[in-house]
Amino acid sequence: MALLLREKEVRTLLNMRDAVAVLEEAFIAYAQGQVLNQPRSRLQFPQGVLTYLAAAAPDYGVFGHKTYTASRTACVS
């Protein structure tokens, strides 16, 4: 089951000290080849852009992605 966390929720779950410690551990794992990181991918279209990022740390049993859109005008669906 997927877990969707927004920035506000993350702030209540993780303090800055713990976040820095986890990031340090993640960068070490990345340097040791234990993390897979897909470069940022952008799909540009006339109304805007769709951006996609993904990474996985199989040894830690975690993976995730971030997808967002941006446009200069309001999109109408």
PDB file of N, CA and C in Angstrom:
ATOM      1  N   MET A   1       0.837  -1.175   0.000  1.00  0.00           N
ATOM      2  CA  MET A   1       0.000   0.000   0.000  1.00  0.00           C
ATOM      3  C   MET A   1       0.886   1.243   0.000  1.00  0.00           C
ATOM      4  N   ALA A   2       0.543   2.183  -0.835  1.00  0.00           N
ATOM      5  CA  ALA A   2       1.302   3.433  -0.924  1.00  0.00           C
ATOM      6  C   ALA A   2       0.945   4.354   0.232  1.00  0.00           C
ATOM      7  N   LEU A   3       1.905   5.132   0.654  1.00  0.00           N
ATOM      8  CA  LEU A   3       1.707   6.119   1.709  1.00  0.00           C
ATOM      9  C   LEU A   3       2.019   7.488   1.126  1.00  0.00           C
ATOM     10  N   LEU A   4       1.027   8.345   1.079  1.00  0.00           N
ATOM     11  CA  LEU A   4       1.196   9.692   0.544  1.00  0.00           C
ATOM     12  C   LEU A   4       1.425  10.653   1.703  1.00  0.00           C
ATOM     13  N   LEU A   5       2.562  11.313   1.692  1.00  0.00           N
ATOM     14  CA  LEU A   5       2.892  12.284   2.739  1.00  0.00           C
ATOM     15  C   LEU A   5       3.095  13.652   2.113  1.00  0.00           C
ATOM     16  N   ARG A   6       2.415  14.615   2.650  1.00  0.00           N
ATOM     17  CA  ARG A   6       2.613  15.994   2.218  1.00  0.00           C
ATOM     18  C   ARG A   6       3.645  16.642   3.137  1.00  0.00           C
ATOM     19  N   GLU A   7       4.196  17.762   2.692  1.00  0.00           N
ATOM     20  CA  GLU A   7       5.269  18.418   3.446  1.00  0.00           C
ATOM     21  C   GLU A   7       4.861  18.707   4.893  1.00  0.00           C
ATOM     22  N   LYS A   8       3.651  19.176   5.102  1.00  0.00           N
ATOM     23  CA  LYS A   8       3.178  19.487   6.457  1.00  0.00           C
ATOM     24  C   LYS A   8       3.196  18.242   7.347  1.00  0.00           C
ATOM     25  N   GLU A   9       2.802  17.099   6.797  1.00  0.00           N
ATOM     26  CA  GLU A   9       2.790  15.853   7.569  1.00  0.00           C
ATOM     27  C   GLU A   9       4.208  15.388   7.885  1.00  0.00           C
ATOM     28  N   VAL A  10       5.101  15.548   6.937  1.00  0.00           N
ATOM     29  CA  VAL A  10       6.491  15.146   7.163  1.00  0.00           C
ATOM     30  C   VAL A  10       7.090  15.961   8.306  1.00  0.00           C
ATOM     31  N   ARG A  11       6.795  17.240   8.349  1.00  0.00           N
ATOM     32  CA  ARG A  11       7.338  18.102   9.410  1.00  0.00           C
ATOM     33  C   ARG A  11       6.908  17.649  10.801  1.00  0.00           C
ATOM     34  N   THR A  12       5.715  17.068  10.910  1.00  0.00           N
ATOM     35  CA  THR A  12       5.257  16.596  12.223  1.00  0.00           C
ATOM     36  C   THR A  12       5.856  15.241  12.575  1.00  0.00           C
ATOM     37  N   LEU A  13       6.353  14.511  11.581  1.00  0.00           N
ATOM     38  CA  LEU A  13       6.880  13.164  11.800  1.00  0.00           C
ATOM     39  C   LEU A  13       8.396  13.109  11.935  1.00  0.00           C
ATOM     40  N   LEU A  14       9.096  14.106  11.412  1.00  0.00           N
ATOM     41  CA  LEU A  14      10.550  14.047  11.335  1.00  0.00           C
ATOM     42  C   LEU A  14      11.149  15.403  11.689  1.00  0.00           C
ATOM     43  N   ASN A  15      12.030  15.414  12.688  1.00  0.00           N
ATOM     44  CA  ASN A  15      12.684  16.677  13.034  1.00  0.00           C
ATOM     45  C   ASN A  15      13.965  16.838  12.209  1.00  0.00           C
ATOM     46  N   MET A  16      14.506  18.032  12.198  1.00  0.00           N
ATOM     47  CA  MET A  16      15.663  18.347  11.357  1.00  0.00           C
ATOM     48  C   MET A  16      16.887  17.512  11.721  1.00  0.00           C
ATOM     49  N   ARG A  17      17.129  17.286  12.993  1.00  0.00           N
ATOM     50  CA  ARG A  17      18.299  16.503  13.416  1.00  0.00           C
ATOM     51  C   ARG A  17      18.228  15.079  12.850  1.00  0.00           C
ATOM     52  N   ASP A  18      17.063  14.448  12.967  1.00  0.00           N
ATOM     53  CA  ASP A  18      16.897  13.096  12.433  1.00  0.00           C
ATOM     54  C   ASP A  18      16.986  13.091  10.910  1.00  0.00           C
ATOM     55  N   ALA A  19      16.433  14.119  10.274  1.00  0.00           N
ATOM     56  CA  ALA A  19      16.484  14.202   8.815  1.00  0.00           C
ATOM     57  C   ALA A  19      17.923  14.286   8.321  1.00  0.00           C
ATOM     58  N   VAL A  20      18.741  15.097   8.970  1.00  0.00           N
ATOM     59  CA  VAL A  20      20.150  15.235   8.577  1.00  0.00           C
ATOM     60  C   VAL A  20      20.885  13.911   8.774  1.00  0.00           C
ATOM     61  N   ALA A  21      20.621  13.213   9.872  1.00  0.00           N
ATOM     62  CA  ALA A  21      21.278  11.925  10.133  1.00  0.00           C
ATOM     63  C   ALA A  21      20.905  10.894   9.070  1.00  0.00           C
ATOM     64  N   VAL A  22      19.638  10.847   8.694  1.00  0.00           N
ATOM     65  CA  VAL A  22      19.190   9.895   7.672  1.00  0.00           C
ATOM     66  C   VAL A  22      19.787  10.250   6.315  1.00  0.00           C
ATOM     67  N   LEU A  23      19.841  11.542   5.993  1.00  0.00           N
ATOM     68  CA  LEU A  23      20.438  11.952   4.724  1.00  0.00           C
ATOM     69  C   LEU A  23      21.917  11.600   4.658  1.00  0.00           C
ATOM     70  N   GLU A  24      22.619  11.781   5.750  1.00  0.00           N
ATOM     71  CA  GLU A  24      24.034  11.415   5.784  1.00  0.00           C
ATOM     72  C   GLU A  24      24.200   9.920   5.509  1.00  0.00           C
ATOM     73  N   GLU A  25      23.380   9.110   6.152  1.00  0.00           N
ATOM     74  CA  GLU A  25      23.425   7.661   5.931  1.00  0.00           C
ATOM     75  C   GLU A  25      23.077   7.321   4.482  1.00  0.00           C
ATOM     76  N   ALA A  26      22.102   8.020   3.916  1.00  0.00           N
ATOM     77  CA  ALA A  26      21.694   7.770   2.531  1.00  0.00           C
ATOM     78  C   ALA A  26      22.805   8.136   1.549  1.00  0.00           C
ATOM     79  N   PHE A  27      23.492   9.246   1.775  1.00  0.00           N
ATOM     80  CA  PHE A  27      24.590   9.640   0.887  1.00  0.00           C
ATOM     81  C   PHE A  27      25.750   8.644   0.962  1.00  0.00           C
ATOM     82  N   ILE A  28      26.011   8.108   2.130  1.00  0.00           N
ATOM     83  CA  ILE A  28      27.052   7.080   2.273  1.00  0.00           C
ATOM     84  C   ILE A  28      26.643   5.830   1.503  1.00  0.00           C
ATOM     85  N   ALA A  29      25.382   5.417   1.648  1.00  0.00           N
ATOM     86  CA  ALA A  29      24.876   4.248   0.921  1.00  0.00           C
ATOM     87  C   ALA A  29      24.953   4.488  -0.585  1.00  0.00           C
ATOM     88  N   TYR A  30      24.642   5.696  -1.025  1.00  0.00           N
ATOM     89  CA  TYR A  30      24.726   6.038  -2.445  1.00  0.00           C
ATOM     90  C   TYR A  30      26.167   5.924  -2.939  1.00  0.00           C
ATOM     91  N   ALA A  31      27.112   6.433  -2.170  1.00  0.00           N
ATOM     92  CA  ALA A  31      28.528   6.369  -2.542  1.00  0.00           C
ATOM     93  C   ALA A  31      29.020   4.933  -2.625  1.00  0.00           C
ATOM     94  N   GLN A  32      28.403   4.040  -1.857  1.00  0.00           N
ATOM     95  CA  GLN A  32      28.780   2.626  -1.855  1.00  0.00           C
ATOM     96  C   GLN A  32      27.999   1.817  -2.890  1.00  0.00           C
ATOM     97  N   GLY A  33      27.195   2.487  -3.709  1.00  0.00           N
ATOM     98  CA  GLY A  33      26.448   1.815  -4.764  1.00  0.00           C
ATOM     99  C   GLY A  33      25.211   1.072  -4.287  1.00  0.00           C
ATOM    100  N   GLN A  34      24.719   1.382  -3.099  1.00  0.00           N
ATOM    101  CA  GLN A  34      23.553   0.693  -2.548  1.00  0.00           C
ATOM    102  C   GLN A  34      22.240   1.409  -2.857  1.00  0.00           C
ATOM    103  N   VAL A  35      22.322   2.531  -3.547  1.00  0.00           N
ATOM    104  CA  VAL A  35      21.131   3.320  -3.857  1.00  0.00           C
ATOM    105  C   VAL A  35      21.048   3.514  -5.365  1.00  0.00           C
ATOM    106  N   LEU A  36      19.861   3.352  -5.909  1.00  0.00           N
ATOM    107  CA  LEU A  36      19.606   3.600  -7.320  1.00  0.00           C
ATOM    108  C   LEU A  36      18.914   4.949  -7.427  1.00  0.00           C
ATOM    109  N   ASN A  37      19.406   5.802  -8.304  1.00  0.00           N
ATOM    110  CA  ASN A  37      18.844   7.139  -8.434  1.00  0.00           C
ATOM    111  C   ASN A  37      18.655   7.457  -9.907  1.00  0.00           C
ATOM    112  N   GLN A  38      17.416   7.681 -10.308  1.00  0.00           N
ATOM    113  CA  GLN A  38      17.131   8.041 -11.689  1.00  0.00           C
ATOM    114  C   GLN A  38      17.216   9.554 -11.824  1.00  0.00           C
ATOM    115  N   PRO A  39      17.972  10.041 -12.789  1.00  0.00           N
ATOM    116  CA  PRO A  39      18.053  11.493 -12.964  1.00  0.00           C
ATOM    117  C   PRO A  39      16.671  12.103 -13.222  1.00  0.00           C
ATOM    118  N   ARG A  40      16.524  13.339 -12.845  1.00  0.00           N
ATOM    119  CA  ARG A  40      15.266  14.077 -13.060  1.00  0.00           C
ATOM    120  C   ARG A  40      14.878  13.993 -14.532  1.00  0.00           C
ATOM    121  N   SER A  41      13.624  13.719 -14.776  1.00  0.00           N
ATOM    122  CA  SER A  41      13.109  13.628 -16.139  1.00  0.00           C
ATOM    123  C   SER A  41      11.991  14.650 -16.311  1.00  0.00           C
ATOM    124  N   ARG A  42      12.038  15.395 -17.398  1.00  0.00           N
ATOM    125  CA  ARG A  42      11.011  16.408 -17.651  1.00  0.00           C
ATOM    126  C   ARG A  42      10.338  16.146 -18.992  1.00  0.00           C
ATOM    127  N   LEU A  43       9.018  16.163 -18.966  1.00  0.00           N
ATOM    128  CA  LEU A  43       8.220  16.034 -20.176  1.00  0.00           C
ATOM    129  C   LEU A  43       7.596  17.400 -20.440  1.00  0.00           C
ATOM    130  N   GLN A  44       8.096  18.074 -21.469  1.00  0.00           N
ATOM    131  CA  GLN A  44       7.595  19.415 -21.762  1.00  0.00           C
ATOM    132  C   GLN A  44       6.494  19.342 -22.799  1.00  0.00           C
ATOM    133  N   PHE A  45       5.466  20.128 -22.581  1.00  0.00           N
ATOM    134  CA  PHE A  45       4.348  20.210 -23.500  1.00  0.00           C
ATOM    135  C   PHE A  45       3.909  21.671 -23.566  1.00  0.00           C
ATOM    136  N   PRO A  46       3.082  22.055 -24.541  1.00  0.00           N
ATOM    137  CA  PRO A  46       2.755  23.474 -24.718  1.00  0.00           C
ATOM    138  C   PRO A  46       2.213  24.171 -23.467  1.00  0.00           C
ATOM    139  N   GLN A  47       1.454  23.469 -22.653  1.00  0.00           N
ATOM    140  CA  GLN A  47       0.849  24.104 -21.482  1.00  0.00           C
ATOM    141  C   GLN A  47       1.753  24.118 -20.252  1.00  0.00           C
ATOM    142  N   GLY A  48       2.840  23.363 -20.261  1.00  0.00           N
ATOM    143  CA  GLY A  48       3.697  23.325 -19.079  1.00  0.00           C
ATOM    144  C   GLY A  48       4.695  22.186 -19.117  1.00  0.00           C
ATOM    145  N   VAL A  49       4.993  21.653 -17.944  1.00  0.00           N
ATOM    146  CA  VAL A  49       5.991  20.592 -17.831  1.00  0.00           C
ATOM    147  C   VAL A  49       5.593  19.623 -16.719  1.00  0.00           C
ATOM    148  N   LEU A  50       5.865  18.352 -16.951  1.00  0.00           N
ATOM    149  CA  LEU A  50       5.681  17.304 -15.952  1.00  0.00           C
ATOM    150  C   LEU A  50       7.076  16.836 -15.552  1.00  0.00           C
ATOM    151  N   THR A  51       7.378  16.871 -14.267  1.00  0.00           N
ATOM    152  CA  THR A  51       8.694  16.483 -13.772  1.00  0.00           C
ATOM    153  C   THR A  51       8.567  15.224 -12.925  1.00  0.00           C
ATOM    154  N   TYR A  52       9.518  14.292 -13.108  1.00  0.00           N
ATOM    155  CA  TYR A  52       9.478  13.004 -12.423  1.00  0.00           C
ATOM    156  C   TYR A  52      10.871  12.676 -11.888  1.00  0.00           C
ATOM    157  N   LEU A  53      10.938  12.283 -10.606  1.00  0.00           N
ATOM    158  CA  LEU A  53      12.186  11.852  -9.983  1.00  0.00           C
ATOM    159  C   LEU A  53      11.917  10.531  -9.268  1.00  0.00           C
ATOM    160  N   ALA A  54      12.889   9.636  -9.248  1.00  0.00           N
ATOM    161  CA  ALA A  54      12.707   8.359  -8.557  1.00  0.00           C
ATOM    162  C   ALA A  54      14.036   7.865  -7.998  1.00  0.00           C
ATOM    163  N   ALA A  55      13.941   7.094  -6.911  1.00  0.00           N
ATOM    164  CA  ALA A  55      15.126   6.493  -6.300  1.00  0.00           C
ATOM    165  C   ALA A  55      14.697   5.262  -5.518  1.00  0.00           C
ATOM    166  N   ALA A  56      15.659   4.377  -5.274  1.00  0.00           N
ATOM    167  CA  ALA A  56      15.390   3.171  -4.494  1.00  0.00           C
ATOM    168  C   ALA A  56      16.635   2.784  -3.715  1.00  0.00           C
ATOM    169  N   ALA A  57      16.406   2.252  -2.536  1.00  0.00           N
ATOM    170  CA  ALA A  57      17.480   1.712  -1.700  1.00  0.00           C
ATOM    171  C   ALA A  57      17.058   0.297  -1.313  1.00  0.00           C
ATOM    172  N   PRO A  58      17.275  -0.684  -2.209  1.00  0.00           N
ATOM    173  CA  PRO A  58      16.801  -2.047  -1.971  1.00  0.00           C
ATOM    174  C   PRO A  58      17.274  -2.654  -0.653  1.00  0.00           C
ATOM    175  N   ASP A  59      18.505  -2.374  -0.254  1.00  0.00           N
ATOM    176  CA  ASP A  59      19.011  -2.928   1.004  1.00  0.00           C
ATOM    177  C   ASP A  59      18.228  -2.421   2.211  1.00  0.00           C
ATOM    178  N   TYR A  60      17.577  -1.276   2.055  1.00  0.00           N
ATOM    179  CA  TYR A  60      16.771  -0.699   3.135  1.00  0.00           C
ATOM    180  C   TYR A  60      15.281  -1.001   2.956  1.00  0.00           C
ATOM    181  N   GLY A  61      14.935  -1.612   1.817  1.00  0.00           N
ATOM    182  CA  GLY A  61      13.541  -1.949   1.552  1.00  0.00           C
ATOM    183  C   GLY A  61      12.665  -0.742   1.258  1.00  0.00           C
ATOM    184  N   VAL A  62      13.256   0.299   0.684  1.00  0.00           N
ATOM    185  CA  VAL A  62      12.482   1.507   0.398  1.00  0.00           C
ATOM    186  C   VAL A  62      12.710   1.983  -1.033  1.00  0.00           C
ATOM    187  N   PHE A  63      11.697   2.634  -1.554  1.00  0.00           N
ATOM    188  CA  PHE A  63      11.792   3.301  -2.840  1.00  0.00           C
ATOM    189  C   PHE A  63      10.733   4.389  -2.865  1.00  0.00           C
ATOM    190  N   GLY A  64      10.896   5.319  -3.774  1.00  0.00           N
ATOM    191  CA  GLY A  64       9.914   6.390  -3.854  1.00  0.00           C
ATOM    192  C   GLY A  64      10.078   7.202  -5.113  1.00  0.00           C
ATOM    193  N   HIS A  65       9.098   8.046  -5.336  1.00  0.00           N
ATOM    194  CA  HIS A  65       9.170   8.943  -6.480  1.00  0.00           C
ATOM    195  C   HIS A  65       8.439  10.230  -6.151  1.00  0.00           C
ATOM    196  N   LYS A  66       8.746  11.233  -6.925  1.00  0.00           N
ATOM    197  CA  LYS A  66       8.085  12.529  -6.799  1.00  0.00           C
ATOM    198  C   LYS A  66       7.719  12.963  -8.207  1.00  0.00           C
ATOM    199  N   THR A  67       6.469  13.339  -8.382  1.00  0.00           N
ATOM    200  CA  THR A  67       5.987  13.807  -9.669  1.00  0.00           C
ATOM    201  C   THR A  67       5.246  15.119  -9.444  1.00  0.00           C
ATOM    202  N   TYR A  68       5.541  16.103 -10.275  1.00  0.00           N
ATOM    203  CA  TYR A  68       4.808  17.361 -10.151  1.00  0.00           C
ATOM    204  C   TYR A  68       4.717  18.048 -11.505  1.00  0.00           C
ATOM    205  N   THR A  69       3.758  18.937 -11.619  1.00  0.00           N
ATOM    206  CA  THR A  69       3.563  19.688 -12.852  1.00  0.00           C
ATOM    207  C   THR A  69       3.733  21.174 -12.571  1.00  0.00           C
ATOM    208  N   ALA A  70       4.021  21.903 -13.618  1.00  0.00           N
ATOM    209  CA  ALA A  70       4.121  23.357 -13.522  1.00  0.00           C
ATOM    210  C   ALA A  70       3.673  23.957 -14.848  1.00  0.00           C
ATOM    211  N   SER A  71       3.017  25.101 -14.751  1.00  0.00           N
ATOM    212  CA  SER A  71       2.609  25.798 -15.969  1.00  0.00           C
ATOM    213  C   SER A  71       2.551  27.294 -15.696  1.00  0.00           C
ATOM    214  N   ARG A  72       2.600  28.062 -16.743  1.00  0.00           N
ATOM    215  CA  ARG A  72       2.510  29.516 -16.606  1.00  0.00           C
ATOM    216  C   ARG A  72       1.054  29.974 -16.568  1.00  0.00           C
ATOM    217  N   THR A  73       0.160  29.115 -17.002  1.00  0.00           N
ATOM    218  CA  THR A  73      -1.267  29.441 -16.997  1.00  0.00           C
ATOM    219  C   THR A  73      -2.022  28.350 -16.258  1.00  0.00           C
ATOM    220  N   ALA A  74      -3.211  28.664 -15.824  1.00  0.00           N
ATOM    221  CA  ALA A  74      -4.043  27.667 -15.144  1.00  0.00           C
ATOM    222  C   ALA A  74      -4.475  26.613 -16.154  1.00  0.00           C
ATOM    223  N   CYS A  75      -4.347  25.350 -15.773  1.00  0.00           N
ATOM    224  CA  CYS A  75      -4.782  24.257 -16.638  1.00  0.00           C
ATOM    225  C   CYS A  75      -6.270  24.018 -16.417  1.00  0.00           C
ATOM    226  N   VAL A  76      -6.982  23.820 -17.471  1.00  0.00           N
ATOM    227  CA  VAL A  76      -8.415  23.538 -17.392  1.00  0.00           C
ATOM    228  C   VAL A  76      -8.621  22.105 -17.817  1.00  0.00           C
ATOM    229  N   SER A  77      -9.323  21.339 -16.979  1.00  0.00           N
ATOM    230  CA  SER A  77      -9.557  19.936 -17.342  1.00  0.00           C
ATOM    231  C   SER A  77     -10.996  19.707 -17.721  1.00  0.00           C
TER     232      SER A  77
END
